[in-house]
Amino acid sequence: MGYCVYVLECYIAGSFSCYYVGQTNDLNSRMEEHYDSIREHNTDSFVGRFDYVKLIWHKIVPTREDAVRLESYLKSLSPSGKRSYMNHN
């Protein structure tokens, strides 16, 4: 099977705000959770603070440990660093 590391673009009032980086073993279910947070305006959830999110990148890795490592690395990058990584991987 594998794990998925993914990046969302987050928008407020139609304007880009930030990237969200996550990892999961079921991307479809995780995206539904994000969409539910937005619909419910669940501000306890990071994504729930936005009006709209868009899945812009994902990568399948073999293990959860690989996913956690890649997620942590991507979170450490600046927005331009994230864009550069996504454009080259």
PDB file of N, CA and C in Angstrom:
ATOM      1  N   MET A   1       0.843  -1.191   0.000  1.00  0.00           N
ATOM      2  CA  MET A   1       0.000   0.000   0.000  1.00  0.00           C
ATOM      3  C   MET A   1       0.877   1.240   0.000  1.00  0.00           C
ATOM      4  N   GLY A   2       1.254   1.797   1.080  1.00  0.00           N
ATOM      5  CA  GLY A   2       2.043   3.021   1.106  1.00  0.00           C
ATOM      6  C   GLY A   2       1.300   4.156   1.777  1.00  0.00           C
ATOM      7  N   TYR A   3       2.015   5.227   1.916  1.00  0.00           N
ATOM      8  CA  TYR A   3       1.478   6.437   2.531  1.00  0.00           C
ATOM      9  C   TYR A   3       1.627   7.595   1.564  1.00  0.00           C
ATOM     10  N   CYS A   4       0.764   8.556   1.718  1.00  0.00           N
ATOM     11  CA  CYS A   4       0.741   9.704   0.821  1.00  0.00           C
ATOM     12  C   CYS A   4       1.092  10.971   1.597  1.00  0.00           C
ATOM     13  N   VAL A   5       2.053  11.707   1.076  1.00  0.00           N
ATOM     14  CA  VAL A   5       2.356  13.045   1.578  1.00  0.00           C
ATOM     15  C   VAL A   5       1.735  14.004   0.574  1.00  0.00           C
ATOM     16  N   TYR A   6       1.056  15.035   1.066  1.00  0.00           N
ATOM     17  CA  TYR A   6       0.322  15.919   0.154  1.00  0.00           C
ATOM     18  C   TYR A   6       0.457  17.376   0.577  1.00  0.00           C
ATOM     19  N   VAL A   7       0.205  18.247  -0.405  1.00  0.00           N
ATOM     20  CA  VAL A   7       0.248  19.689  -0.156  1.00  0.00           C
ATOM     21  C   VAL A   7      -1.043  20.302  -0.679  1.00  0.00           C
ATOM     22  N   LEU A   8      -1.656  21.135   0.160  1.00  0.00           N
ATOM     23  CA  LEU A   8      -2.847  21.892  -0.224  1.00  0.00           C
ATOM     24  C   LEU A   8      -2.490  23.365  -0.321  1.00  0.00           C
ATOM     25  N   GLU A   9      -3.082  24.048  -1.291  1.00  0.00           N
ATOM     26  CA  GLU A   9      -3.074  25.514  -1.301  1.00  0.00           C
ATOM     27  C   GLU A   9      -4.309  25.943  -0.531  1.00  0.00           C
ATOM     28  N   CYS A  10      -4.148  26.866   0.383  1.00  0.00           N
ATOM     29  CA  CYS A  10      -5.259  27.334   1.221  1.00  0.00           C
ATOM     30  C   CYS A  10      -5.599  28.773   0.843  1.00  0.00           C
ATOM     31  N   TYR A  11      -6.887  29.052   0.699  1.00  0.00           N
ATOM     32  CA  TYR A  11      -7.358  30.359   0.246  1.00  0.00           C
ATOM     33  C   TYR A  11      -8.339  30.970   1.236  1.00  0.00           C
ATOM     34  N   ILE A  12      -8.252  32.289   1.371  1.00  0.00           N
ATOM     35  CA  ILE A  12      -9.217  33.077   2.123  1.00  0.00           C
ATOM     36  C   ILE A  12      -9.684  34.197   1.202  1.00  0.00           C
ATOM     37  N   ALA A  13     -10.992  34.346   1.072  1.00  0.00           N
ATOM     38  CA  ALA A  13     -11.587  35.401   0.238  1.00  0.00           C
ATOM     39  C   ALA A  13     -10.989  35.405  -1.169  1.00  0.00           C
ATOM     40  N   GLY A  14     -10.755  34.207  -1.705  1.00  0.00           N
ATOM     41  CA  GLY A  14     -10.272  34.084  -3.076  1.00  0.00           C
ATOM     42  C   GLY A  14      -8.787  34.297  -3.272  1.00  0.00           C
ATOM     43  N   SER A  15      -8.053  34.604  -2.213  1.00  0.00           N
ATOM     44  CA  SER A  15      -6.613  34.856  -2.330  1.00  0.00           C
ATOM     45  C   SER A  15      -5.823  33.757  -1.640  1.00  0.00           C
ATOM     46  N   PHE A  16      -4.703  33.379  -2.246  1.00  0.00           N
ATOM     47  CA  PHE A  16      -3.815  32.389  -1.649  1.00  0.00           C
ATOM     48  C   PHE A  16      -3.339  32.874  -0.289  1.00  0.00           C
ATOM     49  N   SER A  17      -3.360  31.980   0.685  1.00  0.00           N
ATOM     50  CA  SER A  17      -2.916  32.325   2.027  1.00  0.00           C
ATOM     51  C   SER A  17      -1.648  31.558   2.411  1.00  0.00           C
ATOM     52  N   CYS A  18      -1.667  30.225   2.239  1.00  0.00           N
ATOM     53  CA  CYS A  18      -0.519  29.417   2.661  1.00  0.00           C
ATOM     54  C   CYS A  18      -0.650  28.016   2.087  1.00  0.00           C
ATOM     55  N   TYR A  19       0.382  27.224   2.349  1.00  0.00           N
ATOM     56  CA  TYR A  19       0.353  25.797   2.025  1.00  0.00           C
ATOM     57  C   TYR A  19       0.094  24.999   3.297  1.00  0.00           C
ATOM     58  N   TYR A  20      -0.616  23.911   3.138  1.00  0.00           N
ATOM     59  CA  TYR A  20      -0.804  22.945   4.217  1.00  0.00           C
ATOM     60  C   TYR A  20      -0.152  21.647   3.761  1.00  0.00           C
ATOM     61  N   VAL A  21       0.680  21.063   4.607  1.00  0.00           N
ATOM     62  CA  VAL A  21       1.353  19.806   4.300  1.00  0.00           C
ATOM     63  C   VAL A  21       0.836  18.744   5.265  1.00  0.00           C
ATOM     64  N   GLY A  22       0.490  17.589   4.729  1.00  0.00           N
ATOM     65  CA  GLY A  22       0.017  16.499   5.570  1.00  0.00           C
ATOM     66  C   GLY A  22       0.430  15.150   5.014  1.00  0.00           C
ATOM     67  N   GLN A  23       0.105  14.115   5.758  1.00  0.00           N
ATOM     68  CA  GLN A  23       0.362  12.749   5.297  1.00  0.00           C
ATOM     69  C   GLN A  23      -0.764  11.854   5.783  1.00  0.00           C
ATOM     70  N   THR A  24      -1.050  10.813   5.006  1.00  0.00           N
ATOM     71  CA  THR A  24      -2.160   9.928   5.305  1.00  0.00           C
ATOM     72  C   THR A  24      -1.973   8.604   4.590  1.00  0.00           C
ATOM     73  N   ASN A  25      -2.714   7.599   5.014  1.00  0.00           N
ATOM     74  CA  ASN A  25      -2.737   6.349   4.259  1.00  0.00           C
ATOM     75  C   ASN A  25      -4.011   6.233   3.426  1.00  0.00           C
ATOM     76  N   ASP A  26      -4.871   7.269   3.452  1.00  0.00           N
ATOM     77  CA  ASP A  26      -6.097   7.291   2.655  1.00  0.00           C
ATOM     78  C   ASP A  26      -6.388   8.736   2.253  1.00  0.00           C
ATOM     79  N   LEU A  27      -5.861   9.141   1.111  1.00  0.00           N
ATOM     80  CA  LEU A  27      -5.973  10.538   0.689  1.00  0.00           C
ATOM     81  C   LEU A  27      -7.417  10.960   0.462  1.00  0.00           C
ATOM     82  N   ASN A  28      -8.229  10.113  -0.134  1.00  0.00           N
ATOM     83  CA  ASN A  28      -9.625  10.498  -0.378  1.00  0.00           C
ATOM     84  C   ASN A  28     -10.366  10.798   0.923  1.00  0.00           C
ATOM     85  N   SER A  29     -10.217   9.933   1.906  1.00  0.00           N
ATOM     86  CA  SER A  29     -10.884  10.163   3.196  1.00  0.00           C
ATOM     87  C   SER A  29     -10.337  11.416   3.878  1.00  0.00           C
ATOM     88  N   ARG A  30      -9.035  11.607   3.807  1.00  0.00           N
ATOM     89  CA  ARG A  30      -8.428  12.780   4.453  1.00  0.00           C
ATOM     90  C   ARG A  30      -8.922  14.062   3.811  1.00  0.00           C
ATOM     91  N   MET A  31      -9.044  14.056   2.480  1.00  0.00           N
ATOM     92  CA  MET A  31      -9.558  15.251   1.800  1.00  0.00           C
ATOM     93  C   MET A  31     -10.999  15.525   2.210  1.00  0.00           C
ATOM     94  N   GLU A  32     -11.795  14.490   2.353  1.00  0.00           N
ATOM     95  CA  GLU A  32     -13.172  14.682   2.817  1.00  0.00           C
ATOM     96  C   GLU A  32     -13.191  15.301   4.218  1.00  0.00           C
ATOM     97  N   GLU A  33     -12.276  14.874   5.077  1.00  0.00           N
ATOM     98  CA  GLU A  33     -12.188  15.471   6.411  1.00  0.00           C
ATOM     99  C   GLU A  33     -11.846  16.958   6.313  1.00  0.00           C
ATOM    100  N   HIS A  34     -10.914  17.304   5.419  1.00  0.00           N
ATOM    101  CA  HIS A  34     -10.567  18.718   5.234  1.00  0.00           C
ATOM    102  C   HIS A  34     -11.780  19.507   4.729  1.00  0.00           C
ATOM    103  N   TYR A  35     -12.462  18.963   3.731  1.00  0.00           N
ATOM    104  CA  TYR A  35     -13.635  19.662   3.181  1.00  0.00           C
ATOM    105  C   TYR A  35     -14.730  19.817   4.237  1.00  0.00           C
ATOM    106  N   ASP A  36     -14.926  18.790   5.063  1.00  0.00           N
ATOM    107  CA  ASP A  36     -15.915  18.885   6.145  1.00  0.00           C
ATOM    108  C   ASP A  36     -15.535  20.004   7.120  1.00  0.00           C
ATOM    109  N   SER A  37     -14.252  20.113   7.453  1.00  0.00           N
ATOM    110  CA  SER A  37     -13.793  21.173   8.367  1.00  0.00           C
ATOM    111  C   SER A  37     -14.112  22.551   7.797  1.00  0.00           C
ATOM    112  N   ILE A  38     -13.935  22.712   6.498  1.00  0.00           N
ATOM    113  CA  ILE A  38     -14.226  23.994   5.850  1.00  0.00           C
ATOM    114  C   ILE A  38     -15.727  24.268   5.872  1.00  0.00           C
ATOM    115  N   ARG A  39     -16.513  23.260   5.472  1.00  0.00           N
ATOM    116  CA  ARG A  39     -17.983  23.435   5.448  1.00  0.00           C
ATOM    117  C   ARG A  39     -18.525  23.788   6.823  1.00  0.00           C
ATOM    118  N   GLU A  40     -17.944  23.177   7.856  1.00  0.00           N
ATOM    119  CA  GLU A  40     -18.414  23.392   9.225  1.00  0.00           C
ATOM    120  C   GLU A  40     -17.740  24.588   9.890  1.00  0.00           C
ATOM    121  N   HIS A  41     -16.844  25.263   9.167  1.00  0.00           N
ATOM    122  CA  HIS A  41     -16.074  26.386   9.730  1.00  0.00           C
ATOM    123  C   HIS A  41     -15.441  25.985  11.055  1.00  0.00           C
ATOM    124  N   ASN A  42     -14.868  24.784  11.062  1.00  0.00           N
ATOM    125  CA  ASN A  42     -14.246  24.230  12.263  1.00  0.00           C
ATOM    126  C   ASN A  42     -12.868  24.868  12.455  1.00  0.00           C
ATOM    127  N   THR A  43     -12.822  25.930  13.216  1.00  0.00           N
ATOM    128  CA  THR A  43     -11.560  26.647  13.415  1.00  0.00           C
ATOM    129  C   THR A  43     -10.620  25.916  14.373  1.00  0.00           C
ATOM    130  N   ASP A  44     -11.074  24.822  14.985  1.00  0.00           N
ATOM    131  CA  ASP A  44     -10.163  23.977  15.745  1.00  0.00           C
ATOM    132  C   ASP A  44      -9.230  23.217  14.805  1.00  0.00           C
ATOM    133  N   SER A  45      -9.663  23.090  13.558  1.00  0.00           N
ATOM    134  CA  SER A  45      -8.855  22.455  12.519  1.00  0.00           C
ATOM    135  C   SER A  45      -8.131  23.549  11.733  1.00  0.00           C
ATOM    136  N   PHE A  46      -6.854  23.360  11.446  1.00  0.00           N
ATOM    137  CA  PHE A  46      -6.107  24.372  10.692  1.00  0.00           C
ATOM    138  C   PHE A  46      -6.798  24.675   9.366  1.00  0.00           C
ATOM    139  N   VAL A  47      -7.146  23.652   8.626  1.00  0.00           N
ATOM    140  CA  VAL A  47      -7.767  23.842   7.307  1.00  0.00           C
ATOM    141  C   VAL A  47      -9.149  24.468   7.432  1.00  0.00           C
ATOM    142  N   GLY A  48      -9.849  24.231   8.527  1.00  0.00           N
ATOM    143  CA  GLY A  48     -11.180  24.791   8.720  1.00  0.00           C
ATOM    144  C   GLY A  48     -11.209  26.305   8.802  1.00  0.00           C
ATOM    145  N   ARG A  49     -10.047  26.925   8.926  1.00  0.00           N
ATOM    146  CA  ARG A  49      -9.959  28.389   8.988  1.00  0.00           C
ATOM    147  C   ARG A  49     -10.020  29.042   7.613  1.00  0.00           C
ATOM    148  N   PHE A  50      -9.989  28.231   6.565  1.00  0.00           N
ATOM    149  CA  PHE A  50      -9.938  28.761   5.201  1.00  0.00           C
ATOM    150  C   PHE A  50     -11.268  28.583   4.498  1.00  0.00           C
ATOM    151  N   ASP A  51     -11.426  29.324   3.388  1.00  0.00           N
ATOM    152  CA  ASP A  51     -12.645  29.228   2.596  1.00  0.00           C
ATOM    153  C   ASP A  51     -12.582  28.107   1.568  1.00  0.00           C
ATOM    154  N   TYR A  52     -11.354  27.776   1.170  1.00  0.00           N
ATOM    155  CA  TYR A  52     -11.177  26.843   0.061  1.00  0.00           C
ATOM    156  C   TYR A  52      -9.775  26.268   0.136  1.00  0.00           C
ATOM    157  N   VAL A  53      -9.642  24.985  -0.186  1.00  0.00           N
ATOM    158  CA  VAL A  53      -8.323  24.371  -0.329  1.00  0.00           C
ATOM    159  C   VAL A  53      -8.280  23.601  -1.634  1.00  0.00           C
ATOM    160  N   LYS A  54      -7.072  23.500  -2.167  1.00  0.00           N
ATOM    161  CA  LYS A  54      -6.881  22.805  -3.439  1.00  0.00           C
ATOM    162  C   LYS A  54      -5.686  21.874  -3.304  1.00  0.00           C
ATOM    163  N   LEU A  55      -5.881  20.594  -3.600  1.00  0.00           N
ATOM    164  CA  LEU A  55      -4.787  19.635  -3.602  1.00  0.00           C
ATOM    165  C   LEU A  55      -3.907  19.932  -4.808  1.00  0.00           C
ATOM    166  N   ILE A  56      -2.646  20.275  -4.566  1.00  0.00           N
ATOM    167  CA  ILE A  56      -1.771  20.650  -5.679  1.00  0.00           C
ATOM    168  C   ILE A  56      -0.619  19.684  -5.897  1.00  0.00           C
ATOM    169  N   TRP A  57      -0.360  18.801  -4.932  1.00  0.00           N
ATOM    170  CA  TRP A  57       0.763  17.881  -5.076  1.00  0.00           C
ATOM    171  C   TRP A  57       0.601  16.739  -4.098  1.00  0.00           C
ATOM    172  N   HIS A  58       1.037  15.560  -4.504  1.00  0.00           N
ATOM    173  CA  HIS A  58       1.113  14.432  -3.582  1.00  0.00           C
ATOM    174  C   HIS A  58       2.171  13.446  -4.064  1.00  0.00           C
ATOM    175  N   LYS A  59       2.666  12.675  -3.132  1.00  0.00           N
ATOM    176  CA  LYS A  59       3.680  11.665  -3.439  1.00  0.00           C
ATOM    177  C   LYS A  59       3.439  10.460  -2.545  1.00  0.00           C
ATOM    178  N   ILE A  60       3.491   9.278  -3.138  1.00  0.00           N
ATOM    179  CA  ILE A  60       3.339   8.035  -2.391  1.00  0.00           C
ATOM    180  C   ILE A  60       4.731   7.568  -1.961  1.00  0.00           C
ATOM    181  N   VAL A  61       4.852   7.241  -0.697  1.00  0.00           N
ATOM    182  CA  VAL A  61       6.100   6.703  -0.146  1.00  0.00           C
ATOM    183  C   VAL A  61       5.785   5.359   0.509  1.00  0.00           C
ATOM    184  N   PRO A  62       6.794   4.493   0.658  1.00  0.00           N
ATOM    185  CA  PRO A  62       6.506   3.130   1.103  1.00  0.00           C
ATOM    186  C   PRO A  62       6.033   2.965   2.546  1.00  0.00           C
ATOM    187  N   THR A  63       6.550   3.768   3.469  1.00  0.00           N
ATOM    188  CA  THR A  63       6.217   3.541   4.884  1.00  0.00           C
ATOM    189  C   THR A  63       5.739   4.827   5.556  1.00  0.00           C
ATOM    190  N   ARG A  64       5.101   4.646   6.699  1.00  0.00           N
ATOM    191  CA  ARG A  64       4.657   5.807   7.478  1.00  0.00           C
ATOM    192  C   ARG A  64       5.865   6.625   7.942  1.00  0.00           C
ATOM    193  N   GLU A  65       6.940   5.962   8.283  1.00  0.00           N
ATOM    194  CA  GLU A  65       8.150   6.667   8.706  1.00  0.00           C
ATOM    195  C   GLU A  65       8.673   7.570   7.579  1.00  0.00           C
ATOM    196  N   ASP A  66       8.639   7.064   6.342  1.00  0.00           N
ATOM    197  CA  ASP A  66       9.041   7.891   5.198  1.00  0.00           C
ATOM    198  C   ASP A  66       8.108   9.084   5.036  1.00  0.00           C
ATOM    199  N   ALA A  67       6.811   8.843   5.248  1.00  0.00           N
ATOM    200  CA  ALA A  67       5.826   9.925   5.115  1.00  0.00           C
ATOM    201  C   ALA A  67       6.050  10.998   6.171  1.00  0.00           C
ATOM    202  N   VAL A  68       6.270  10.580   7.404  1.00  0.00           N
ATOM    203  CA  VAL A  68       6.494  11.539   8.486  1.00  0.00           C
ATOM    204  C   VAL A  68       7.768  12.344   8.218  1.00  0.00           C
ATOM    205  N   ARG A  69       8.795  11.674   7.755  1.00  0.00           N
ATOM    206  CA  ARG A  69      10.068  12.351   7.464  1.00  0.00           C
ATOM    207  C   ARG A  69       9.893  13.390   6.347  1.00  0.00           C
ATOM    208  N   LEU A  70       9.224  12.998   5.242  1.00  0.00           N
ATOM    209  CA  LEU A  70       9.016  13.930   4.139  1.00  0.00           C
ATOM    210  C   LEU A  70       8.084  15.069   4.545  1.00  0.00           C
ATOM    211  N   GLU A  71       7.037  14.765   5.296  1.00  0.00           N
ATOM    212  CA  GLU A  71       6.126  15.799   5.783  1.00  0.00           C
ATOM    213  C   GLU A  71       6.887  16.821   6.627  1.00  0.00           C
ATOM    214  N   SER A  72       7.709  16.350   7.531  1.00  0.00           N
ATOM    215  CA  SER A  72       8.492  17.252   8.389  1.00  0.00           C
ATOM    216  C   SER A  72       9.440  18.111   7.562  1.00  0.00           C
ATOM    217  N   TYR A  73      10.078  17.498   6.579  1.00  0.00           N
ATOM    218  CA  TYR A  73      10.991  18.250   5.723  1.00  0.00           C
ATOM    219  C   TYR A  73      10.241  19.358   4.976  1.00  0.00           C
ATOM    220  N   LEU A  74       9.104  19.005   4.364  1.00  0.00           N
ATOM    221  CA  LEU A  74       8.340  20.006   3.613  1.00  0.00           C
ATOM    222  C   LEU A  74       7.849  21.128   4.521  1.00  0.00           C
ATOM    223  N   LYS A  75       7.427  20.784   5.728  1.00  0.00           N
ATOM    224  CA  LYS A  75       6.957  21.807   6.668  1.00  0.00           C
ATOM    225  C   LYS A  75       8.076  22.766   7.065  1.00  0.00           C
ATOM    226  N   SER A  76       9.314  22.298   6.993  1.00  0.00           N
ATOM    227  CA  SER A  76      10.439  23.151   7.374  1.00  0.00           C
ATOM    228  C   SER A  76      10.808  24.158   6.286  1.00  0.00           C
ATOM    229  N   LEU A  77      10.295  23.962   5.075  1.00  0.00           N
ATOM    230  CA  LEU A  77      10.644  24.829   3.951  1.00  0.00           C
ATOM    231  C   LEU A  77       9.784  26.087   3.923  1.00  0.00           C
ATOM    232  N   SER A  78      10.329  27.137   3.359  1.00  0.00           N
ATOM    233  CA  SER A  78       9.562  28.353   3.089  1.00  0.00           C
ATOM    234  C   SER A  78       8.562  28.048   1.968  1.00  0.00           C
ATOM    235  N   PRO A  79       7.579  28.930   1.747  1.00  0.00           N
ATOM    236  CA  PRO A  79       6.672  28.712   0.627  1.00  0.00           C
ATOM    237  C   PRO A  79       7.410  28.539  -0.706  1.00  0.00           C
ATOM    238  N   SER A  80       8.424  29.352  -0.967  1.00  0.00           N
ATOM    239  CA  SER A  80       9.157  29.207  -2.231  1.00  0.00           C
ATOM    240  C   SER A  80       9.943  27.898  -2.251  1.00  0.00           C
ATOM    241  N   GLY A  81      10.440  27.457  -1.107  1.00  0.00           N
ATOM    242  CA  GLY A  81      11.106  26.163  -1.021  1.00  0.00           C
ATOM    243  C   GLY A  81      10.154  25.013  -1.311  1.00  0.00           C
ATOM    244  N   LYS A  82       8.939  25.108  -0.789  1.00  0.00           N
ATOM    245  CA  LYS A  82       7.926  24.087  -1.075  1.00  0.00           C
ATOM    246  C   LYS A  82       7.628  24.047  -2.570  1.00  0.00           C
ATOM    247  N   ARG A  83       7.428  25.209  -3.189  1.00  0.00           N
ATOM    248  CA  ARG A  83       7.145  25.258  -4.633  1.00  0.00           C
ATOM    249  C   ARG A  83       8.295  24.628  -5.424  1.00  0.00           C
ATOM    250  N   SER A  84       9.510  24.957  -5.069  1.00  0.00           N
ATOM    251  CA  SER A  84      10.670  24.406  -5.760  1.00  0.00           C
ATOM    252  C   SER A  84      10.710  22.884  -5.625  1.00  0.00           C
ATOM    253  N   TYR A  85      10.496  22.389  -4.424  1.00  0.00           N
ATOM    254  CA  TYR A  85      10.497  20.941  -4.203  1.00  0.00           C
ATOM    255  C   TYR A  85       9.404  20.283  -5.048  1.00  0.00           C
ATOM    256  N   MET A  86       8.195  20.825  -5.004  1.00  0.00           N
ATOM    257  CA  MET A  86       7.079  20.224  -5.750  1.00  0.00           C
ATOM    258  C   MET A  86       7.353  20.248  -7.247  1.00  0.00           C
ATOM    259  N   ASN A  87       7.981  21.298  -7.759  1.00  0.00           N
ATOM    260  CA  ASN A  87       8.252  21.392  -9.190  1.00  0.00           C
ATOM    261  C   ASN A  87       9.304  20.404  -9.659  1.00  0.00           C
ATOM    262  N   HIS A  88      10.122  19.900  -8.735  1.00  0.00           N
ATOM    263  CA  HIS A  88      11.210  19.019  -9.111  1.00  0.00           C
ATOM    264  C   HIS A  88      11.012  17.577  -8.631  1.00  0.00           C
ATOM    265  N   ASN A  89       9.902  17.305  -7.966  1.00  0.00           N
ATOM    266  CA  ASN A  89       9.663  15.946  -7.467  1.00  0.00           C
ATOM    267  C   ASN A  89       8.271  15.503  -7.795  1.00  0.00           C
TER     268      ASN A  89
END
